[in-house]
Every structure is written in structure tokens, then in C-alpha cells.
Amino acid sequence: MTPQAAIEAAIANCQMVVDLYLSDLTEEETMHRPGEGLNHIRWQLGHLIVSEHKFMDHVAPGSVPTLPDGFADRYRKETATIDDASQFDSLAELKRLYSNIREATLTALANCSAERLDEPSGIEYAPRVADVFILQGTHWLMHAGQWAVIRRQLGREPMF
């Protein structure tokens, strides 16, 4: 197995969890906060999309599609406290953008040589280019762990 294939498999495993956790949630449910000061899924999805876009543009410039105008501004740290759903994109739109960005990430990974994967990334907590690609799965999975709590609070049975 190539390093690219191993990283792709890890990302796919994380994506499976993310997709399952989002599969049956309503627009309204994605605005549920699991506790005071904690973020709702809608904001987290935008944050994850912005993050993946930023990371991929850093290690593979020009490889990801441009985000819609104003998108990154809607998902800044300062907007995390907003509870007005109209201030965020719909769940359907966030899923569409996520799919587009993820497809571009996987294409960039497939086009990345093993030598390039081993190069420094310039990011302290993801020191090699390979680490930046791996982060695209684990960052989403970390947030999905928070969604498991939200799902239970909403009365959903555990999926795993």
C-alpha cells in the first residue's frame, strides 16, 4: 500500500463516521448546542470546511475550489456564539461544499508524491505534508465526537 492510499483510507474511515452522524439530522437539529458555550454542528461544519480549504491551499496551492464570497467570515471564531440559523449556510449547502472540498483534497493527495508527503509543512502541529493530509480526517472526526453527544441529547441511539 502506498502512503497516499493509507492516508486516503484513514480519511475515508473518518468520513464514514461524519457522514453517518449527519445523515439523519434536520436543519433545526444542527443548531442544537450540547451545553453552554459549546458550538452547534452548523457552525462546526463551516469551520471544518474553512479549515480544510486553508490547509489544502497551504500544501497544494490552487488545488481546492474557491469558497463562496463571505463564507469564511460566517464561520470565524467570533460567529460561533450566534444562534440565528439564517446567519449560516443550510445543512444541504454545507454538505455540498464539504463534498467538493473533500474531493479536491483526495485529488491533491493522489497527485502528491511520496517525497512531497515527507516534506516540512511549515505547520507546527502538522509538521510534514503527510500530517496535514491526515489532519483532514482526524479534525473532522474530533468534531464528530462532539456530535455523538448532540445526537444522544436529541434522543438518537448510538451508531457505534
N, C-alpha and C. Protein backbone atom coordinates (compact mmCIF):
# COMPACT_ATOMS: atom_id res chain seq x y z
N MET A 1 0.85 -1.18 0.00
CA MET A 1 0.00 0.00 0.00
C MET A 1 0.90 1.24 0.00
N THR A 2 0.54 2.17 -0.83
CA THR A 2 1.31 3.42 -0.90
C THR A 2 0.95 4.32 0.29
N PRO A 3 1.80 5.27 0.63
CA PRO A 3 1.42 6.20 1.70
C PRO A 3 0.15 6.97 1.35
N GLN A 4 -0.01 7.32 0.08
CA GLN A 4 -1.21 8.04 -0.34
C GLN A 4 -2.47 7.19 -0.10
N ALA A 5 -2.38 5.90 -0.43
CA ALA A 5 -3.53 5.01 -0.23
C ALA A 5 -3.84 4.82 1.25
N ALA A 6 -2.82 4.74 2.08
CA ALA A 6 -3.03 4.60 3.53
C ALA A 6 -3.70 5.84 4.10
N ILE A 7 -3.23 7.01 3.69
CA ILE A 7 -3.82 8.25 4.17
C ILE A 7 -5.26 8.37 3.67
N GLU A 8 -5.49 8.02 2.41
CA GLU A 8 -6.85 8.07 1.85
C GLU A 8 -7.79 7.14 2.62
N ALA A 9 -7.31 5.95 2.98
CA ALA A 9 -8.13 5.01 3.74
C ALA A 9 -8.48 5.58 5.12
N ALA A 10 -7.53 6.23 5.76
CA ALA A 10 -7.79 6.83 7.07
C ALA A 10 -8.81 7.96 6.95
N ILE A 11 -8.66 8.79 5.93
CA ILE A 11 -9.62 9.88 5.72
C ILE A 11 -11.01 9.30 5.44
N ALA A 12 -11.08 8.25 4.64
CA ALA A 12 -12.37 7.63 4.30
C ALA A 12 -13.05 7.07 5.54
N ASN A 13 -12.28 6.48 6.44
CA ASN A 13 -12.85 5.93 7.68
C ASN A 13 -13.45 7.05 8.52
N CYS A 14 -12.74 8.16 8.63
CA CYS A 14 -13.26 9.31 9.37
C CYS A 14 -14.50 9.87 8.68
N GLN A 15 -14.46 9.94 7.36
CA GLN A 15 -15.58 10.49 6.61
C GLN A 15 -16.83 9.64 6.77
N MET A 16 -16.65 8.33 6.90
CA MET A 16 -17.80 7.45 7.10
C MET A 16 -18.53 7.83 8.39
N VAL A 17 -17.78 8.07 9.47
CA VAL A 17 -18.39 8.44 10.75
C VAL A 17 -19.11 9.78 10.61
N VAL A 18 -18.44 10.76 10.02
CA VAL A 18 -19.03 12.08 9.82
C VAL A 18 -20.34 11.97 9.04
N ASP A 19 -20.29 11.26 7.92
CA ASP A 19 -21.48 11.15 7.07
C ASP A 19 -22.63 10.45 7.80
N LEU A 20 -22.33 9.42 8.57
CA LEU A 20 -23.39 8.74 9.32
C LEU A 20 -23.99 9.65 10.39
N TYR A 21 -23.16 10.36 11.11
CA TYR A 21 -23.66 11.25 12.16
C TYR A 21 -24.53 12.38 11.59
N LEU A 22 -24.26 12.79 10.38
CA LEU A 22 -25.04 13.87 9.77
C LEU A 22 -26.25 13.36 9.00
N SER A 23 -26.31 12.07 8.73
CA SER A 23 -27.26 11.50 7.78
C SER A 23 -28.73 11.75 8.11
N ASP A 24 -29.08 11.78 9.37
CA ASP A 24 -30.50 11.89 9.72
C ASP A 24 -30.83 13.15 10.53
N LEU A 25 -29.92 14.09 10.60
CA LEU A 25 -30.19 15.32 11.35
C LEU A 25 -30.96 16.33 10.50
N THR A 26 -31.84 17.06 11.15
CA THR A 26 -32.59 18.10 10.47
C THR A 26 -31.82 19.42 10.56
N GLU A 27 -32.25 20.37 9.76
CA GLU A 27 -31.66 21.71 9.81
C GLU A 27 -31.71 22.26 11.23
N GLU A 28 -32.88 22.14 11.86
CA GLU A 28 -33.06 22.65 13.22
C GLU A 28 -32.12 21.96 14.20
N GLU A 29 -31.99 20.65 14.08
CA GLU A 29 -31.13 19.90 15.00
C GLU A 29 -29.66 20.29 14.89
N THR A 30 -29.25 20.75 13.73
CA THR A 30 -27.84 21.14 13.58
C THR A 30 -27.54 22.45 14.28
N MET A 31 -28.54 23.10 14.83
CA MET A 31 -28.35 24.33 15.60
C MET A 31 -28.36 24.06 17.11
N HIS A 32 -28.54 22.82 17.50
CA HIS A 32 -28.57 22.44 18.92
C HIS A 32 -27.18 22.58 19.54
N ARG A 33 -27.12 23.22 20.68
CA ARG A 33 -25.87 23.34 21.44
C ARG A 33 -25.89 22.30 22.56
N PRO A 34 -24.83 21.50 22.69
CA PRO A 34 -24.83 20.45 23.71
C PRO A 34 -24.65 20.99 25.13
N GLY A 35 -24.29 22.24 25.25
CA GLY A 35 -24.10 22.86 26.56
C GLY A 35 -23.75 24.32 26.37
N GLU A 36 -23.80 25.05 27.46
CA GLU A 36 -23.49 26.48 27.40
C GLU A 36 -22.06 26.70 26.90
N GLY A 37 -21.94 27.59 25.92
CA GLY A 37 -20.63 27.92 25.38
C GLY A 37 -20.07 26.91 24.38
N LEU A 38 -20.83 25.87 24.07
CA LEU A 38 -20.39 24.86 23.11
C LEU A 38 -21.01 25.14 21.74
N ASN A 39 -20.32 24.74 20.71
CA ASN A 39 -20.72 25.08 19.34
C ASN A 39 -21.73 24.10 18.77
N HIS A 40 -22.64 24.64 17.97
CA HIS A 40 -23.61 23.81 17.25
C HIS A 40 -22.95 23.24 16.00
N ILE A 41 -23.55 22.20 15.48
CA ILE A 41 -23.00 21.49 14.32
C ILE A 41 -22.88 22.40 13.11
N ARG A 42 -23.86 23.25 12.90
CA ARG A 42 -23.85 24.10 11.70
C ARG A 42 -22.58 24.95 11.67
N TRP A 43 -22.23 25.58 12.79
CA TRP A 43 -21.01 26.39 12.83
C TRP A 43 -19.78 25.49 12.67
N GLN A 44 -19.80 24.35 13.32
CA GLN A 44 -18.64 23.45 13.24
C GLN A 44 -18.39 22.99 11.80
N LEU A 45 -19.45 22.70 11.06
CA LEU A 45 -19.29 22.29 9.67
C LEU A 45 -18.61 23.39 8.85
N GLY A 46 -19.08 24.61 9.00
CA GLY A 46 -18.45 25.71 8.28
C GLY A 46 -16.99 25.87 8.68
N HIS A 47 -16.71 25.77 9.97
CA HIS A 47 -15.34 25.86 10.46
C HIS A 47 -14.46 24.77 9.84
N LEU A 48 -14.98 23.56 9.78
CA LEU A 48 -14.21 22.44 9.21
C LEU A 48 -13.94 22.64 7.73
N ILE A 49 -14.92 23.14 7.01
CA ILE A 49 -14.75 23.40 5.58
C ILE A 49 -13.70 24.48 5.36
N VAL A 50 -13.80 25.57 6.12
CA VAL A 50 -12.82 26.65 6.01
C VAL A 50 -11.42 26.13 6.35
N SER A 51 -11.32 25.33 7.40
CA SER A 51 -10.03 24.78 7.81
C SER A 51 -9.43 23.88 6.74
N GLU A 52 -10.23 22.96 6.22
CA GLU A 52 -9.70 22.05 5.20
C GLU A 52 -9.26 22.84 3.97
N HIS A 53 -10.06 23.83 3.59
CA HIS A 53 -9.70 24.67 2.45
C HIS A 53 -8.35 25.35 2.69
N LYS A 54 -8.19 25.93 3.88
CA LYS A 54 -6.96 26.64 4.23
C LYS A 54 -5.75 25.69 4.21
N PHE A 55 -5.90 24.53 4.83
CA PHE A 55 -4.79 23.58 4.88
C PHE A 55 -4.41 23.06 3.50
N MET A 56 -5.40 22.75 2.69
CA MET A 56 -5.09 22.23 1.36
C MET A 56 -4.48 23.31 0.47
N ASP A 57 -4.96 24.52 0.60
CA ASP A 57 -4.37 25.61 -0.17
C ASP A 57 -2.92 25.87 0.28
N HIS A 58 -2.62 25.56 1.53
CA HIS A 58 -1.27 25.74 2.05
C HIS A 58 -0.30 24.71 1.45
N VAL A 59 -0.71 23.43 1.44
CA VAL A 59 0.21 22.38 0.97
C VAL A 59 0.08 22.07 -0.52
N ALA A 60 -1.04 22.43 -1.12
CA ALA A 60 -1.27 22.19 -2.55
C ALA A 60 -2.00 23.41 -3.12
N PRO A 61 -1.29 24.53 -3.23
CA PRO A 61 -1.94 25.79 -3.67
C PRO A 61 -2.73 25.61 -4.97
N GLY A 62 -3.94 26.17 -4.95
CA GLY A 62 -4.79 26.12 -6.14
C GLY A 62 -5.52 24.81 -6.33
N SER A 63 -5.37 23.88 -5.40
CA SER A 63 -5.98 22.55 -5.58
C SER A 63 -7.44 22.48 -5.16
N VAL A 64 -7.89 23.44 -4.37
CA VAL A 64 -9.27 23.40 -3.87
C VAL A 64 -10.10 24.50 -4.50
N PRO A 65 -11.38 24.22 -4.71
CA PRO A 65 -12.24 25.25 -5.29
C PRO A 65 -12.39 26.44 -4.33
N THR A 66 -12.62 27.59 -4.89
CA THR A 66 -12.82 28.80 -4.10
C THR A 66 -14.10 28.68 -3.29
N LEU A 67 -14.05 29.12 -2.05
CA LEU A 67 -15.26 29.14 -1.22
C LEU A 67 -16.16 30.30 -1.66
N PRO A 68 -17.46 30.19 -1.44
CA PRO A 68 -18.37 31.29 -1.79
C PRO A 68 -17.97 32.58 -1.06
N ASP A 69 -18.28 33.70 -1.67
CA ASP A 69 -17.99 35.00 -1.06
C ASP A 69 -18.58 35.07 0.35
N GLY A 70 -17.79 35.52 1.30
CA GLY A 70 -18.23 35.70 2.66
C GLY A 70 -18.31 34.43 3.50
N PHE A 71 -18.05 33.28 2.90
CA PHE A 71 -18.19 32.02 3.62
C PHE A 71 -17.28 31.97 4.84
N ALA A 72 -16.00 32.22 4.67
CA ALA A 72 -15.05 32.15 5.79
C ALA A 72 -15.44 33.11 6.90
N ASP A 73 -15.96 34.26 6.55
CA ASP A 73 -16.38 35.24 7.56
C ASP A 73 -17.55 34.74 8.41
N ARG A 74 -18.42 33.92 7.82
CA ARG A 74 -19.56 33.40 8.57
C ARG A 74 -19.15 32.37 9.61
N TYR A 75 -17.94 31.82 9.48
CA TYR A 75 -17.51 30.72 10.35
C TYR A 75 -16.23 31.05 11.12
N ARG A 76 -16.05 32.33 11.43
CA ARG A 76 -14.93 32.76 12.27
C ARG A 76 -15.26 32.43 13.73
N LYS A 77 -14.23 32.41 14.55
CA LYS A 77 -14.39 32.16 15.98
C LYS A 77 -15.44 33.10 16.58
N GLU A 78 -15.47 34.34 16.10
CA GLU A 78 -16.38 35.34 16.64
C GLU A 78 -17.85 35.06 16.32
N THR A 79 -18.13 34.22 15.34
CA THR A 79 -19.52 33.93 14.98
C THR A 79 -20.05 32.67 15.65
N ALA A 80 -19.21 31.97 16.38
CA ALA A 80 -19.60 30.70 17.00
C ALA A 80 -20.73 30.84 18.00
N THR A 81 -20.93 32.03 18.55
CA THR A 81 -21.98 32.24 19.56
C THR A 81 -23.34 32.57 18.97
N ILE A 82 -23.41 32.74 17.66
CA ILE A 82 -24.67 33.11 17.01
C ILE A 82 -25.61 31.90 16.97
N ASP A 83 -26.86 32.13 17.36
CA ASP A 83 -27.87 31.07 17.35
C ASP A 83 -28.91 31.24 16.24
N ASP A 84 -28.79 32.28 15.44
CA ASP A 84 -29.72 32.55 14.35
C ASP A 84 -29.30 31.73 13.14
N ALA A 85 -30.07 30.69 12.83
CA ALA A 85 -29.74 29.79 11.72
C ALA A 85 -29.60 30.51 10.39
N SER A 86 -30.30 31.62 10.23
CA SER A 86 -30.24 32.34 8.95
C SER A 86 -28.86 32.98 8.71
N GLN A 87 -28.04 33.03 9.74
CA GLN A 87 -26.69 33.60 9.60
C GLN A 87 -25.69 32.58 9.06
N PHE A 88 -26.13 31.33 8.91
CA PHE A 88 -25.26 30.26 8.45
C PHE A 88 -25.84 29.61 7.20
N ASP A 89 -25.01 28.88 6.50
CA ASP A 89 -25.48 28.15 5.33
C ASP A 89 -26.34 26.96 5.77
N SER A 90 -27.19 26.50 4.88
CA SER A 90 -28.03 25.34 5.18
C SER A 90 -27.17 24.09 5.30
N LEU A 91 -27.72 23.09 5.95
CA LEU A 91 -27.02 21.82 6.08
C LEU A 91 -26.74 21.23 4.69
N ALA A 92 -27.69 21.33 3.80
CA ALA A 92 -27.51 20.81 2.43
C ALA A 92 -26.35 21.52 1.73
N GLU A 93 -26.27 22.83 1.86
CA GLU A 93 -25.18 23.58 1.23
C GLU A 93 -23.85 23.24 1.88
N LEU A 94 -23.82 23.09 3.18
CA LEU A 94 -22.57 22.73 3.87
C LEU A 94 -22.11 21.34 3.43
N LYS A 95 -23.04 20.41 3.30
CA LYS A 95 -22.67 19.06 2.82
C LYS A 95 -22.13 19.12 1.39
N ARG A 96 -22.73 19.96 0.55
CA ARG A 96 -22.26 20.10 -0.83
C ARG A 96 -20.84 20.65 -0.87
N LEU A 97 -20.60 21.70 -0.09
CA LEU A 97 -19.26 22.29 -0.05
C LEU A 97 -18.24 21.31 0.53
N TYR A 98 -18.63 20.61 1.57
CA TYR A 98 -17.77 19.59 2.18
C TYR A 98 -17.39 18.54 1.15
N SER A 99 -18.34 18.08 0.38
CA SER A 99 -18.08 17.07 -0.64
C SER A 99 -17.11 17.60 -1.70
N ASN A 100 -17.31 18.84 -2.13
CA ASN A 100 -16.42 19.44 -3.14
C ASN A 100 -15.00 19.61 -2.62
N ILE A 101 -14.87 20.11 -1.40
CA ILE A 101 -13.55 20.32 -0.82
C ILE A 101 -12.87 18.97 -0.58
N ARG A 102 -13.62 18.00 -0.09
CA ARG A 102 -13.04 16.69 0.19
C ARG A 102 -12.56 16.01 -1.10
N GLU A 103 -13.34 16.13 -2.16
CA GLU A 103 -12.94 15.57 -3.45
C GLU A 103 -11.63 16.20 -3.91
N ALA A 104 -11.51 17.51 -3.75
CA ALA A 104 -10.27 18.20 -4.13
C ALA A 104 -9.10 17.77 -3.24
N THR A 105 -9.37 17.56 -1.95
CA THR A 105 -8.32 17.08 -1.04
C THR A 105 -7.80 15.72 -1.48
N LEU A 106 -8.71 14.83 -1.80
CA LEU A 106 -8.30 13.48 -2.21
C LEU A 106 -7.56 13.50 -3.55
N THR A 107 -7.96 14.39 -4.44
CA THR A 107 -7.25 14.53 -5.72
C THR A 107 -5.85 15.07 -5.48
N ALA A 108 -5.73 16.06 -4.60
CA ALA A 108 -4.40 16.62 -4.27
C ALA A 108 -3.53 15.55 -3.63
N LEU A 109 -4.11 14.73 -2.77
CA LEU A 109 -3.36 13.63 -2.16
C LEU A 109 -2.88 12.63 -3.21
N ALA A 110 -3.76 12.25 -4.11
CA ALA A 110 -3.39 11.30 -5.17
C ALA A 110 -2.27 11.83 -6.05
N ASN A 111 -2.24 13.14 -6.22
CA ASN A 111 -1.22 13.77 -7.07
C ASN A 111 0.05 14.15 -6.31
N CYS A 112 0.10 13.84 -5.03
CA CYS A 112 1.23 14.21 -4.18
C CYS A 112 2.22 13.05 -4.13
N SER A 113 3.46 13.31 -4.47
CA SER A 113 4.47 12.25 -4.44
C SER A 113 4.81 11.88 -3.00
N ALA A 114 5.36 10.69 -2.83
CA ALA A 114 5.81 10.24 -1.51
C ALA A 114 6.87 11.19 -0.96
N GLU A 115 7.70 11.70 -1.83
CA GLU A 115 8.73 12.65 -1.40
C GLU A 115 8.10 13.94 -0.88
N ARG A 116 7.09 14.41 -1.57
CA ARG A 116 6.41 15.64 -1.15
C ARG A 116 5.69 15.43 0.19
N LEU A 117 5.11 14.25 0.39
CA LEU A 117 4.44 13.96 1.65
C LEU A 117 5.39 14.07 2.84
N ASP A 118 6.65 13.79 2.61
CA ASP A 118 7.65 13.81 3.68
C ASP A 118 8.26 15.19 3.91
N GLU A 119 7.92 16.15 3.07
CA GLU A 119 8.49 17.50 3.20
C GLU A 119 7.86 18.24 4.37
N PRO A 120 8.59 19.21 4.94
CA PRO A 120 8.02 20.03 6.01
C PRO A 120 6.82 20.83 5.50
N SER A 121 5.83 20.97 6.37
CA SER A 121 4.62 21.71 6.00
C SER A 121 4.67 23.16 6.44
N GLY A 122 5.52 23.45 7.42
CA GLY A 122 5.53 24.79 7.99
C GLY A 122 4.46 24.99 9.06
N ILE A 123 3.78 23.92 9.44
CA ILE A 123 2.73 23.98 10.47
C ILE A 123 3.22 23.17 11.67
N GLU A 124 3.32 23.82 12.81
CA GLU A 124 3.91 23.20 13.99
C GLU A 124 3.22 21.89 14.40
N TYR A 125 1.89 21.87 14.42
CA TYR A 125 1.17 20.69 14.90
C TYR A 125 0.90 19.66 13.80
N ALA A 126 1.33 19.94 12.59
CA ALA A 126 1.26 19.00 11.47
C ALA A 126 2.55 19.21 10.67
N PRO A 127 3.67 18.74 11.18
CA PRO A 127 4.98 19.15 10.66
C PRO A 127 5.33 18.70 9.23
N ARG A 128 4.74 17.61 8.76
CA ARG A 128 5.01 17.16 7.39
C ARG A 128 3.75 17.33 6.55
N VAL A 129 3.93 17.37 5.26
CA VAL A 129 2.78 17.47 4.36
C VAL A 129 1.83 16.30 4.60
N ALA A 130 2.36 15.11 4.83
CA ALA A 130 1.52 13.94 5.13
C ALA A 130 0.64 14.20 6.35
N ASP A 131 1.20 14.84 7.36
CA ASP A 131 0.45 15.14 8.58
C ASP A 131 -0.73 16.07 8.29
N VAL A 132 -0.54 17.00 7.37
CA VAL A 132 -1.61 17.92 7.01
C VAL A 132 -2.75 17.16 6.33
N PHE A 133 -2.41 16.21 5.46
CA PHE A 133 -3.46 15.40 4.84
C PHE A 133 -4.17 14.54 5.89
N ILE A 134 -3.43 13.92 6.78
CA ILE A 134 -4.02 13.09 7.83
C ILE A 134 -4.96 13.92 8.70
N LEU A 135 -4.57 15.14 8.97
CA LEU A 135 -5.38 16.05 9.79
C LEU A 135 -6.77 16.27 9.19
N GLN A 136 -6.90 16.14 7.88
CA GLN A 136 -8.21 16.38 7.25
C GLN A 136 -9.23 15.34 7.68
N GLY A 137 -8.80 14.16 8.00
CA GLY A 137 -9.71 13.16 8.55
C GLY A 137 -9.88 13.32 10.05
N THR A 138 -8.78 13.47 10.78
CA THR A 138 -8.86 13.48 12.24
C THR A 138 -9.54 14.73 12.78
N HIS A 139 -9.37 15.87 12.13
CA HIS A 139 -10.04 17.08 12.59
C HIS A 139 -11.56 16.90 12.51
N TRP A 140 -12.02 16.37 11.39
CA TRP A 140 -13.46 16.13 11.24
C TRP A 140 -13.95 15.10 12.26
N LEU A 141 -13.14 14.05 12.48
CA LEU A 141 -13.55 13.01 13.42
C LEU A 141 -13.62 13.54 14.84
N MET A 142 -12.71 14.43 15.20
CA MET A 142 -12.73 15.04 16.53
C MET A 142 -14.06 15.78 16.74
N HIS A 143 -14.48 16.55 15.76
CA HIS A 143 -15.75 17.26 15.88
C HIS A 143 -16.92 16.27 15.88
N ALA A 144 -16.83 15.22 15.10
CA ALA A 144 -17.90 14.21 15.08
C ALA A 144 -18.09 13.59 16.45
N GLY A 145 -17.04 13.50 17.23
CA GLY A 145 -17.18 13.02 18.61
C GLY A 145 -18.10 13.92 19.42
N GLN A 146 -18.04 15.21 19.16
CA GLN A 146 -18.95 16.16 19.82
C GLN A 146 -20.38 15.93 19.33
N TRP A 147 -20.52 15.58 18.07
CA TRP A 147 -21.86 15.36 17.50
C TRP A 147 -22.52 14.13 18.11
N ALA A 148 -21.70 13.17 18.56
CA ALA A 148 -22.27 11.99 19.22
C ALA A 148 -23.05 12.41 20.46
N VAL A 149 -22.52 13.38 21.20
CA VAL A 149 -23.20 13.90 22.39
C VAL A 149 -24.50 14.59 21.98
N ILE A 150 -24.42 15.43 20.95
CA ILE A 150 -25.62 16.13 20.46
C ILE A 150 -26.68 15.12 20.04
N ARG A 151 -26.27 14.10 19.32
CA ARG A 151 -27.22 13.09 18.85
C ARG A 151 -27.92 12.40 20.02
N ARG A 152 -27.17 12.09 21.07
CA ARG A 152 -27.78 11.44 22.25
C ARG A 152 -28.74 12.40 22.94
N GLN A 153 -28.37 13.68 23.03
CA GLN A 153 -29.26 14.67 23.64
C GLN A 153 -30.55 14.81 22.84
N LEU A 154 -30.47 14.58 21.54
CA LEU A 154 -31.65 14.67 20.67
C LEU A 154 -32.46 13.37 20.66
N GLY A 155 -32.02 12.38 21.43
CA GLY A 155 -32.77 11.12 21.54
C GLY A 155 -32.36 10.06 20.54
N ARG A 156 -31.27 10.25 19.82
CA ARG A 156 -30.81 9.26 18.85
C ARG A 156 -30.07 8.13 19.59
N GLU A 157 -30.23 6.94 19.07
CA GLU A 157 -29.48 5.78 19.58
C GLU A 157 -28.03 5.88 19.12
N PRO A 158 -27.11 5.28 19.87
CA PRO A 158 -25.71 5.29 19.41
C PRO A 158 -25.56 4.55 18.08
N MET A 159 -24.70 5.07 17.22
CA MET A 159 -24.45 4.42 15.93
C MET A 159 -23.30 3.43 16.02
N PHE A 160 -22.45 3.63 16.99
CA PHE A 160 -21.26 2.77 17.13
C PHE A 160 -21.13 2.30 18.56
